[in-house]
Amino acid sequence: MLLGQAQAQVKPRADRIQSNEIVLSPAELTVQDAVFAKAIGGLAPQRPGQRDVYVLAAGLWDDHVFLNEAQQSAKVLATRFNAEGRTLVLAQGAPGRAAGLPAATPEQFNRALAAIGGLMDRNEDVLVLFITSHGAQAQGAIFQEAGRLQAALTPGALAASLREAGPEHRIVIVSACFAGQYGAALANPKTIVLAASAPDRSSFGCEPERDWTWFGDAFFNVALRSKLPLLDAFEQAKATVQGWEIRENQRASKPGAFVGEEMRAVLAQLEKAPQRPSN
C-alpha cells in the first residue's frame, strides 16, 4: 500500500493528539529520553497524609516568549503552592534544548502527565497544569517546532490525557488564543480552568521576542506575585489585560474562569498554607 493511501485511512480521534512530524533520529531520541528521565527522576515523591501540589508547565511553541513564560510561571506557581521539587517544565525545539529542558512534544507531554500522575495520590494531591502557545479555533493550543513538528492539543485530547493520567484535582491554566474552548471539555467539580481568552477571541503579546504574553505578564508576573488568592489574582489580571487592550485599541480577549466547587474548596485549603515570597 502506498504511503498516501495508508495516511488517508488513518481516522482522526477526538480523544488523541493529531500530529504531523518528522521523527527524531536515534541519537536525538537517546538525548531526549535521557533529559526526560533525569527531570522525572528529580521530582519528589508524594507525602502520605499531606496534600501535595505538582506543577507541570509546558511551552508548546518554539519561540522565546513561550519558553520564558513556561519557565517563569513554573517558578511562581511552585512558590505559591510550595511545590519546589515537584515542578516540571517542558519546552519546544531549539530554545528548550538550549535550556536543558525536556521537549514539549505530544509524546513527552503525555508521558509527563502519566509520570506525574504515577507519583501523586490521585485522590489527595493536586495537579497544576500551565500551557502556553499560539492557539487556533476548533483545535486548541498548538505544538510547533519549525520544520519538524505541528500538532493540536484539542480540548478533547487534553481531557482524555488528564483522565487517563489520573489526578482528580486539577487547576488548568491556558495562555493562548481561543483558550476558553478548554472550559467546557474539562469542566467538572474537581477542576478549575483559567483561560487567557474566550473560545472565539484572540489573546495578545505572543511576539517571539517578548518575555511574557499579556495574560502571562498580568497574571503570573504581577498578580500572582502578590498575596492575592489565585482566583482574585485572575480577576485582577483580567482587569489589567482589559486596560491594555483598550489602550492599544485591541478587541477584548475576555479571559474566563471555569470553577468546580469541590476544587474551589481544595484551593482555599491550599492557600491557607504559608507561602515563600515570590521574587
C-alpha atoms as a PDB file:
ATOM      1  CA  MET A   1       0.000   0.000   0.000  1.00  0.00           C
ATOM      2  CA  LEU A   2       1.323   3.429  -0.880  1.00  0.00           C
ATOM      3  CA  LEU A   3       2.075   5.812   1.976  1.00  0.00           C
ATOM      4  CA  GLY A   4      -0.522   8.336   0.836  1.00  0.00           C
ATOM      5  CA  GLN A   5      -3.217   5.647   0.751  1.00  0.00           C
ATOM      6  CA  ALA A   6      -2.280   4.467   4.226  1.00  0.00           C
ATOM      7  CA  GLN A   7      -2.372   8.009   5.589  1.00  0.00           C
ATOM      8  CA  ALA A   8      -5.795   8.525   4.066  1.00  0.00           C
ATOM      9  CA  GLN A   9      -7.082   5.560   6.080  1.00  0.00           C
ATOM     10  CA  VAL A  10      -5.886   6.978   9.412  1.00  0.00           C
ATOM     11  CA  LYS A  11      -9.022   8.347  11.051  1.00  0.00           C
ATOM     12  CA  PRO A  12      -8.645  11.308  13.440  1.00  0.00           C
ATOM     13  CA  ARG A  13      -9.739  10.649  17.026  1.00  0.00           C
ATOM     14  CA  ALA A  14     -11.237  13.366  19.188  1.00  0.00           C
ATOM     15  CA  ASP A  15      -9.534  11.919  22.290  1.00  0.00           C
ATOM     16  CA  ARG A  16      -5.989  11.819  20.869  1.00  0.00           C
ATOM     17  CA  ILE A  17      -3.479  14.461  19.787  1.00  0.00           C
ATOM     18  CA  GLN A  18      -3.188  14.536  15.989  1.00  0.00           C
ATOM     19  CA  SER A  19       0.409  15.188  14.905  1.00  0.00           C
ATOM     20  CA  ASN A  20       2.394  15.857  11.731  1.00  0.00           C
ATOM     21  CA  GLU A  21       6.095  15.440  12.370  1.00  0.00           C
ATOM     22  CA  ILE A  22       9.468  14.305  11.151  1.00  0.00           C
ATOM     23  CA  VAL A  23      10.585  11.545  13.512  1.00  0.00           C
ATOM     24  CA  LEU A  24      13.734  12.212  15.533  1.00  0.00           C
ATOM     25  CA  SER A  25      16.897  10.274  14.766  1.00  0.00           C
ATOM     26  CA  PRO A  26      18.083   7.534  17.164  1.00  0.00           C
ATOM     27  CA  ALA A  27      20.746   9.883  18.536  1.00  0.00           C
ATOM     28  CA  GLU A  28      18.218  12.665  19.091  1.00  0.00           C
ATOM     29  CA  LEU A  29      15.798  10.301  20.775  1.00  0.00           C
ATOM     30  CA  THR A  30      18.513   8.988  23.075  1.00  0.00           C
ATOM     31  CA  VAL A  31      19.364  12.507  24.236  1.00  0.00           C
ATOM     32  CA  GLN A  32      15.704  13.474  24.610  1.00  0.00           C
ATOM     33  CA  ASP A  33      14.911  10.366  26.633  1.00  0.00           C
ATOM     34  CA  ALA A  34      17.866  10.969  28.946  1.00  0.00           C
ATOM     35  CA  VAL A  35      16.826  14.578  29.605  1.00  0.00           C
ATOM     36  CA  PHE A  36      13.257  13.499  30.296  1.00  0.00           C
ATOM     37  CA  ALA A  37      14.293  10.655  32.613  1.00  0.00           C
ATOM     38  CA  LYS A  38      16.550  12.977  34.614  1.00  0.00           C
ATOM     39  CA  ALA A  39      13.780  15.544  35.015  1.00  0.00           C
ATOM     40  CA  ILE A  40      11.202  12.973  36.113  1.00  0.00           C
ATOM     41  CA  GLY A  41      13.705  11.284  38.397  1.00  0.00           C
ATOM     42  CA  GLY A  42      14.291  14.598  40.145  1.00  0.00           C
ATOM     43  CA  LEU A  43      10.668  15.008  41.225  1.00  0.00           C
ATOM     44  CA  ALA A  44       9.985  14.491  44.905  1.00  0.00           C
ATOM     45  CA  PRO A  45       7.584  11.724  45.943  1.00  0.00           C
ATOM     46  CA  GLN A  46       4.130  12.291  47.325  1.00  0.00           C
ATOM     47  CA  ARG A  47       3.853  12.579  51.120  1.00  0.00           C
ATOM     48  CA  PRO A  48       1.104  10.369  52.578  1.00  0.00           C
ATOM     49  CA  GLY A  49      -1.459  12.316  54.546  1.00  0.00           C
ATOM     50  CA  GLN A  50      -0.374  15.664  53.114  1.00  0.00           C
ATOM     51  CA  ARG A  51      -1.950  17.374  50.119  1.00  0.00           C
ATOM     52  CA  ASP A  52       0.960  17.914  47.733  1.00  0.00           C
ATOM     53  CA  VAL A  53       0.842  20.030  44.585  1.00  0.00           C
ATOM     54  CA  TYR A  54       2.629  19.043  41.383  1.00  0.00           C
ATOM     55  CA  VAL A  55       3.204  21.690  38.711  1.00  0.00           C
ATOM     56  CA  LEU A  56       3.634  20.986  35.000  1.00  0.00           C
ATOM     57  CA  ALA A  57       4.335  23.997  32.762  1.00  0.00           C
ATOM     58  CA  ALA A  58       4.612  23.456  29.008  1.00  0.00           C
ATOM     59  CA  GLY A  59       5.681  25.928  26.333  1.00  0.00           C
ATOM     60  CA  LEU A  60       4.384  24.180  23.213  1.00  0.00           C
ATOM     61  CA  TRP A  61       5.724  26.551  20.517  1.00  0.00           C
ATOM     62  CA  ASP A  62       9.422  27.072  19.802  1.00  0.00           C
ATOM     63  CA  ASP A  63       9.565  30.829  20.441  1.00  0.00           C
ATOM     64  CA  HIS A  64      11.357  32.574  23.304  1.00  0.00           C
ATOM     65  CA  VAL A  65       8.150  34.066  24.690  1.00  0.00           C
ATOM     66  CA  PHE A  66       6.641  30.648  25.382  1.00  0.00           C
ATOM     67  CA  LEU A  67       9.870  29.190  26.780  1.00  0.00           C
ATOM     68  CA  ASN A  68      10.301  32.091  29.180  1.00  0.00           C
ATOM     69  CA  GLU A  69       6.642  32.117  30.168  1.00  0.00           C
ATOM     70  CA  ALA A  70       6.705  28.406  30.955  1.00  0.00           C
ATOM     71  CA  GLN A  71       9.909  28.686  32.998  1.00  0.00           C
ATOM     72  CA  GLN A  72       8.932  31.777  34.957  1.00  0.00           C
ATOM     73  CA  SER A  73       5.321  30.757  35.569  1.00  0.00           C
ATOM     74  CA  ALA A  74       6.570  27.433  36.945  1.00  0.00           C
ATOM     75  CA  LYS A  75       8.680  29.312  39.500  1.00  0.00           C
ATOM     76  CA  VAL A  76       5.746  31.486  40.542  1.00  0.00           C
ATOM     77  CA  LEU A  77       3.391  28.502  40.851  1.00  0.00           C
ATOM     78  CA  ALA A  78       5.961  26.435  42.739  1.00  0.00           C
ATOM     79  CA  THR A  79       6.369  29.236  45.257  1.00  0.00           C
ATOM     80  CA  ARG A  80       2.643  29.822  45.643  1.00  0.00           C
ATOM     81  CA  PHE A  81       1.824  26.148  46.188  1.00  0.00           C
ATOM     82  CA  ASN A  82       5.018  25.060  47.985  1.00  0.00           C
ATOM     83  CA  ALA A  83       5.758  22.785  45.024  1.00  0.00           C
ATOM     84  CA  GLU A  84       9.535  23.174  44.811  1.00  0.00           C
ATOM     85  CA  GLY A  85      10.876  19.749  43.897  1.00  0.00           C
ATOM     86  CA  ARG A  86       7.515  18.801  42.409  1.00  0.00           C
ATOM     87  CA  THR A  87       7.651  21.073  39.362  1.00  0.00           C
ATOM     88  CA  LEU A  88       8.441  20.123  35.763  1.00  0.00           C
ATOM     89  CA  VAL A  89       8.893  22.397  32.733  1.00  0.00           C
ATOM     90  CA  LEU A  90       8.643  21.230  29.115  1.00  0.00           C
ATOM     91  CA  ALA A  91       9.767  23.447  26.241  1.00  0.00           C
ATOM     92  CA  GLN A  92       9.729  23.169  22.481  1.00  0.00           C
ATOM     93  CA  GLY A  93      12.533  22.949  19.938  1.00  0.00           C
ATOM     94  CA  ALA A  94      15.971  24.543  19.981  1.00  0.00           C
ATOM     95  CA  PRO A  95      15.196  27.060  22.777  1.00  0.00           C
ATOM     96  CA  GLY A  96      14.106  24.241  25.064  1.00  0.00           C
ATOM     97  CA  ARG A  97      17.119  22.089  24.207  1.00  0.00           C
ATOM     98  CA  ALA A  98      19.464  25.013  24.879  1.00  0.00           C
ATOM     99  CA  ALA A  99      17.847  25.419  28.293  1.00  0.00           C
ATOM    100  CA  GLY A 100      18.322  21.696  29.012  1.00  0.00           C
ATOM    101  CA  LEU A 101      14.590  21.079  29.342  1.00  0.00           C
ATOM    102  CA  PRO A 102      12.571  18.048  28.270  1.00  0.00           C
ATOM    103  CA  ALA A 103      10.884  18.530  24.913  1.00  0.00           C
ATOM    104  CA  ALA A 104       7.273  19.686  24.755  1.00  0.00           C
ATOM    105  CA  THR A 105       6.312  17.187  22.054  1.00  0.00           C
ATOM    106  CA  PRO A 106       2.920  15.469  22.163  1.00  0.00           C
ATOM    107  CA  GLU A 107       4.529  12.226  23.325  1.00  0.00           C
ATOM    108  CA  GLN A 108       6.604  13.872  26.047  1.00  0.00           C
ATOM    109  CA  PHE A 109       3.621  15.931  27.190  1.00  0.00           C
ATOM    110  CA  ASN A 110       1.541  12.796  27.705  1.00  0.00           C
ATOM    111  CA  ARG A 111       4.481  10.951  29.263  1.00  0.00           C
ATOM    112  CA  ALA A 112       4.941  13.828  31.718  1.00  0.00           C
ATOM    113  CA  LEU A 113       1.266  13.717  32.703  1.00  0.00           C
ATOM    114  CA  ALA A 114       1.473   9.956  33.182  1.00  0.00           C
ATOM    115  CA  ALA A 115       4.703  10.142  35.202  1.00  0.00           C
ATOM    116  CA  ILE A 116       3.391  12.867  37.488  1.00  0.00           C
ATOM    117  CA  GLY A 117       0.092  11.025  37.854  1.00  0.00           C
ATOM    118  CA  GLY A 118       2.061   7.965  38.910  1.00  0.00           C
ATOM    119  CA  LEU A 119       3.783   9.917  41.684  1.00  0.00           C
ATOM    120  CA  MET A 120       0.650  11.538  43.038  1.00  0.00           C
ATOM    121  CA  ASP A 121      -2.008  10.321  45.411  1.00  0.00           C
ATOM    122  CA  ARG A 122      -4.755  10.803  42.869  1.00  0.00           C
ATOM    123  CA  ASN A 123      -7.461  11.406  45.466  1.00  0.00           C
ATOM    124  CA  GLU A 124      -5.440  13.712  47.705  1.00  0.00           C
ATOM    125  CA  ASP A 125      -2.918  15.707  45.656  1.00  0.00           C
ATOM    126  CA  VAL A 126      -3.410  18.488  43.109  1.00  0.00           C
ATOM    127  CA  LEU A 127      -2.030  18.923  39.592  1.00  0.00           C
ATOM    128  CA  VAL A 128      -1.478  22.489  38.391  1.00  0.00           C
ATOM    129  CA  LEU A 129      -1.036  22.427  34.612  1.00  0.00           C
ATOM    130  CA  PHE A 130       0.003  25.527  32.672  1.00  0.00           C
ATOM    131  CA  ILE A 131       0.068  25.552  28.867  1.00  0.00           C
ATOM    132  CA  THR A 132       1.355  28.459  26.782  1.00  0.00           C
ATOM    133  CA  SER A 133       1.418  28.635  22.983  1.00  0.00           C
ATOM    134  CA  HIS A 134      -0.380  30.004  19.961  1.00  0.00           C
ATOM    135  CA  GLY A 135      -3.922  28.706  19.653  1.00  0.00           C
ATOM    136  CA  ALA A 136      -6.462  28.022  16.927  1.00  0.00           C
ATOM    137  CA  GLN A 137     -10.244  27.769  16.938  1.00  0.00           C
ATOM    138  CA  ALA A 138     -11.580  24.206  16.994  1.00  0.00           C
ATOM    139  CA  GLN A 139      -8.008  22.977  17.587  1.00  0.00           C
ATOM    140  CA  GLY A 140      -6.727  24.413  20.848  1.00  0.00           C
ATOM    141  CA  ALA A 141      -3.113  25.117  21.763  1.00  0.00           C
ATOM    142  CA  ILE A 142      -0.600  24.192  19.070  1.00  0.00           C
ATOM    143  CA  PHE A 143       2.625  22.177  19.350  1.00  0.00           C
ATOM    144  CA  GLN A 144       5.125  23.691  16.893  1.00  0.00           C
ATOM    145  CA  GLU A 145       8.787  23.092  16.135  1.00  0.00           C
ATOM    146  CA  ALA A 146       9.634  24.850  12.879  1.00  0.00           C
ATOM    147  CA  GLY A 147      10.287  22.410  10.054  1.00  0.00           C
ATOM    148  CA  ARG A 148       9.691  19.316  12.189  1.00  0.00           C
ATOM    149  CA  LEU A 149       6.505  19.210  14.198  1.00  0.00           C
ATOM    150  CA  GLN A 150       2.983  20.579  14.269  1.00  0.00           C
ATOM    151  CA  ALA A 151       0.130  19.172  16.313  1.00  0.00           C
ATOM    152  CA  ALA A 152      -3.031  20.365  18.021  1.00  0.00           C
ATOM    153  CA  LEU A 153      -3.812  19.799  21.681  1.00  0.00           C
ATOM    154  CA  THR A 154      -7.573  19.735  21.232  1.00  0.00           C
ATOM    155  CA  PRO A 155      -9.819  20.102  24.270  1.00  0.00           C
ATOM    156  CA  GLY A 156     -10.998  16.516  23.851  1.00  0.00           C
ATOM    157  CA  ALA A 157      -7.439  15.202  23.666  1.00  0.00           C
ATOM    158  CA  LEU A 158      -6.378  17.122  26.784  1.00  0.00           C
ATOM    159  CA  ALA A 159      -9.446  15.907  28.667  1.00  0.00           C
ATOM    160  CA  ALA A 160      -8.643  12.298  27.726  1.00  0.00           C
ATOM    161  CA  SER A 161      -4.955  12.666  28.654  1.00  0.00           C
ATOM    162  CA  LEU A 162      -5.805  14.100  32.067  1.00  0.00           C
ATOM    163  CA  ARG A 163      -8.417  11.430  32.675  1.00  0.00           C
ATOM    164  CA  GLU A 164      -6.001   8.625  31.814  1.00  0.00           C
ATOM    165  CA  ALA A 165      -3.131  10.177  33.802  1.00  0.00           C
ATOM    166  CA  GLY A 166      -5.355  10.045  36.842  1.00  0.00           C
ATOM    167  CA  PRO A 167      -5.069  13.194  39.013  1.00  0.00           C
ATOM    168  CA  GLU A 168      -8.589  14.075  40.097  1.00  0.00           C
ATOM    169  CA  HIS A 169      -7.985  17.564  41.496  1.00  0.00           C
ATOM    170  CA  ARG A 170      -6.674  19.924  38.813  1.00  0.00           C
ATOM    171  CA  ILE A 171      -6.032  23.558  38.080  1.00  0.00           C
ATOM    172  CA  VAL A 172      -5.531  24.051  34.339  1.00  0.00           C
ATOM    173  CA  ILE A 173      -4.293  27.423  33.069  1.00  0.00           C
ATOM    174  CA  VAL A 174      -4.054  28.096  29.333  1.00  0.00           C
ATOM    175  CA  SER A 175      -2.388  31.131  27.773  1.00  0.00           C
ATOM    176  CA  ALA A 176      -3.282  31.025  24.074  1.00  0.00           C
ATOM    177  CA  CYS A 177      -5.735  32.435  21.588  1.00  0.00           C
ATOM    178  CA  PHE A 178      -9.190  30.824  21.894  1.00  0.00           C
ATOM    179  CA  ALA A 179      -8.164  29.232  25.220  1.00  0.00           C
ATOM    180  CA  GLY A 180     -11.712  29.318  26.552  1.00  0.00           C
ATOM    181  CA  GLN A 181     -12.610  26.304  24.421  1.00  0.00           C
ATOM    182  CA  TYR A 182     -10.972  24.116  27.101  1.00  0.00           C
ATOM    183  CA  GLY A 183     -13.536  25.167  29.688  1.00  0.00           C
ATOM    184  CA  ALA A 184     -16.456  23.020  28.591  1.00  0.00           C
ATOM    185  CA  ALA A 185     -14.256  19.999  27.835  1.00  0.00           C
ATOM    186  CA  LEU A 186     -12.527  19.973  31.223  1.00  0.00           C
ATOM    187  CA  ALA A 187     -15.253  21.333  33.491  1.00  0.00           C
ATOM    188  CA  ASN A 188     -16.144  19.168  36.479  1.00  0.00           C
ATOM    189  CA  PRO A 189     -16.469  19.733  40.249  1.00  0.00           C
ATOM    190  CA  LYS A 190     -12.784  18.866  40.841  1.00  0.00           C
ATOM    191  CA  THR A 191     -11.285  21.125  38.147  1.00  0.00           C
ATOM    192  CA  ILE A 192     -10.563  24.832  37.769  1.00  0.00           C
ATOM    193  CA  VAL A 193      -9.800  26.135  34.272  1.00  0.00           C
ATOM    194  CA  LEU A 194      -8.360  29.631  33.792  1.00  0.00           C
ATOM    195  CA  ALA A 195      -8.231  30.744  30.159  1.00  0.00           C
ATOM    196  CA  ALA A 196      -6.463  33.755  28.667  1.00  0.00           C
ATOM    197  CA  SER A 197      -9.252  34.299  26.148  1.00  0.00           C
ATOM    198  CA  ALA A 198     -12.809  33.367  25.275  1.00  0.00           C
ATOM    199  CA  PRO A 199     -13.408  30.430  22.893  1.00  0.00           C
ATOM    200  CA  ASP A 200     -13.834  32.846  19.983  1.00  0.00           C
ATOM    201  CA  ARG A 201     -11.280  35.511  20.903  1.00  0.00           C
ATOM    202  CA  SER A 202      -7.567  36.077  20.373  1.00  0.00           C
ATOM    203  CA  SER A 203      -5.163  36.926  23.165  1.00  0.00           C
ATOM    204  CA  PHE A 204      -2.166  39.225  22.774  1.00  0.00           C
ATOM    205  CA  GLY A 205       1.532  39.657  23.441  1.00  0.00           C
ATOM    206  CA  CYS A 206       2.820  36.490  21.763  1.00  0.00           C
ATOM    207  CA  GLU A 207       5.535  38.121  19.635  1.00  0.00           C
ATOM    208  CA  PRO A 208       8.603  35.845  19.716  1.00  0.00           C
ATOM    209  CA  GLU A 209      10.953  38.395  21.286  1.00  0.00           C
ATOM    210  CA  ARG A 210       8.740  39.169  24.285  1.00  0.00           C
ATOM    211  CA  ASP A 211       9.330  37.664  27.731  1.00  0.00           C
ATOM    212  CA  TRP A 212       5.625  37.308  28.552  1.00  0.00           C
ATOM    213  CA  THR A 213       2.294  37.277  26.769  1.00  0.00           C
ATOM    214  CA  TRP A 214      -0.089  39.945  28.008  1.00  0.00           C
ATOM    215  CA  PHE A 215      -2.045  37.420  30.052  1.00  0.00           C
ATOM    216  CA  GLY A 216       1.081  35.766  31.447  1.00  0.00           C
ATOM    217  CA  ASP A 217       2.524  39.133  32.433  1.00  0.00           C
ATOM    218  CA  ALA A 218      -0.650  40.316  34.141  1.00  0.00           C
ATOM    219  CA  PHE A 219      -1.396  37.030  35.896  1.00  0.00           C
ATOM    220  CA  PHE A 220       1.913  35.356  36.763  1.00  0.00           C
ATOM    221  CA  ASN A 221       4.394  38.220  36.664  1.00  0.00           C
ATOM    222  CA  VAL A 222       2.233  40.709  38.575  1.00  0.00           C
ATOM    223  CA  ALA A 223      -0.928  39.413  40.257  1.00  0.00           C
ATOM    224  CA  LEU A 224       0.343  36.040  41.493  1.00  0.00           C
ATOM    225  CA  ARG A 225       3.487  37.580  42.971  1.00  0.00           C
ATOM    226  CA  SER A 226       1.212  39.336  45.472  1.00  0.00           C
ATOM    227  CA  LYS A 227      -0.649  37.743  48.357  1.00  0.00           C
ATOM    228  CA  LEU A 228      -3.926  37.730  46.451  1.00  0.00           C
ATOM    229  CA  PRO A 229      -5.751  34.382  46.332  1.00  0.00           C
ATOM    230  CA  LEU A 230      -5.461  32.669  42.953  1.00  0.00           C
ATOM    231  CA  LEU A 231      -8.965  33.474  41.722  1.00  0.00           C
ATOM    232  CA  ASP A 232      -8.714  37.093  42.901  1.00  0.00           C
ATOM    233  CA  ALA A 233      -5.367  37.348  41.111  1.00  0.00           C
ATOM    234  CA  PHE A 234      -7.071  36.093  37.960  1.00  0.00           C
ATOM    235  CA  GLU A 235      -9.725  38.815  38.245  1.00  0.00           C
ATOM    236  CA  GLN A 236      -7.002  41.435  38.709  1.00  0.00           C
ATOM    237  CA  ALA A 237      -5.170  40.107  35.650  1.00  0.00           C
ATOM    238  CA  LYS A 238      -8.386  40.279  33.611  1.00  0.00           C
ATOM    239  CA  ALA A 239      -8.767  43.940  34.508  1.00  0.00           C
ATOM    240  CA  THR A 240      -5.119  44.648  33.689  1.00  0.00           C
ATOM    241  CA  VAL A 241      -5.366  42.965  30.285  1.00  0.00           C
ATOM    242  CA  GLN A 242      -8.597  44.804  29.538  1.00  0.00           C
ATOM    243  CA  GLY A 243      -6.848  48.102  30.239  1.00  0.00           C
ATOM    244  CA  TRP A 244      -4.001  47.225  27.890  1.00  0.00           C
ATOM    245  CA  GLU A 245      -6.451  46.189  25.174  1.00  0.00           C
ATOM    246  CA  ILE A 246      -8.338  49.491  25.454  1.00  0.00           C
ATOM    247  CA  ARG A 247      -5.080  51.434  25.338  1.00  0.00           C
ATOM    248  CA  GLU A 248      -3.870  49.544  22.254  1.00  0.00           C
ATOM    249  CA  ASN A 249      -7.308  49.515  20.572  1.00  0.00           C
ATOM    250  CA  GLN A 250      -7.480  45.702  20.520  1.00  0.00           C
ATOM    251  CA  ARG A 251     -10.643  43.599  20.519  1.00  0.00           C
ATOM    252  CA  ALA A 252     -11.295  42.292  24.037  1.00  0.00           C
ATOM    253  CA  SER A 253      -9.836  38.835  24.665  1.00  0.00           C
ATOM    254  CA  LYS A 254     -12.253  38.146  27.526  1.00  0.00           C
ATOM    255  CA  PRO A 255     -10.278  35.804  29.806  1.00  0.00           C
ATOM    256  CA  GLY A 256     -12.562  33.338  31.556  1.00  0.00           C
ATOM    257  CA  ALA A 257     -12.657  31.093  34.617  1.00  0.00           C
ATOM    258  CA  PHE A 258     -14.470  27.761  34.976  1.00  0.00           C
ATOM    259  CA  VAL A 259     -14.514  26.851  38.659  1.00  0.00           C
ATOM    260  CA  GLY A 260     -15.527  23.460  40.033  1.00  0.00           C
ATOM    261  CA  GLU A 261     -16.900  23.886  43.544  1.00  0.00           C
ATOM    262  CA  GLU A 262     -15.004  20.962  45.082  1.00  0.00           C
ATOM    263  CA  MET A 263     -11.737  22.286  43.652  1.00  0.00           C
ATOM    264  CA  ARG A 264     -12.608  25.764  44.927  1.00  0.00           C
ATOM    265  CA  ALA A 265     -12.722  24.330  48.454  1.00  0.00           C
ATOM    266  CA  VAL A 266      -9.451  22.435  47.964  1.00  0.00           C
ATOM    267  CA  LEU A 267      -7.815  25.605  46.634  1.00  0.00           C
ATOM    268  CA  ALA A 268      -8.939  27.516  49.714  1.00  0.00           C
ATOM    269  CA  GLN A 269      -7.246  24.895  51.895  1.00  0.00           C
ATOM    270  CA  LEU A 270      -4.047  25.104  49.872  1.00  0.00           C
ATOM    271  CA  GLU A 271      -3.946  28.871  50.116  1.00  0.00           C
ATOM    272  CA  LYS A 272      -4.063  28.741  53.907  1.00  0.00           C
ATOM    273  CA  ALA A 273      -0.586  27.154  53.882  1.00  0.00           C
ATOM    274  CA  PRO A 274       2.325  29.596  54.334  1.00  0.00           C
ATOM    275  CA  GLN A 275       3.962  30.708  51.075  1.00  0.00           C
ATOM    276  CA  ARG A 276       7.561  31.668  50.479  1.00  0.00           C
ATOM    277  CA  PRO A 277       7.991  35.176  48.996  1.00  0.00           C
ATOM    278  CA  SER A 278       7.972  35.213  45.178  1.00  0.00           C
ATOM    279  CA  ASN A 279      10.913  37.017  43.590  1.00  0.00           C
END
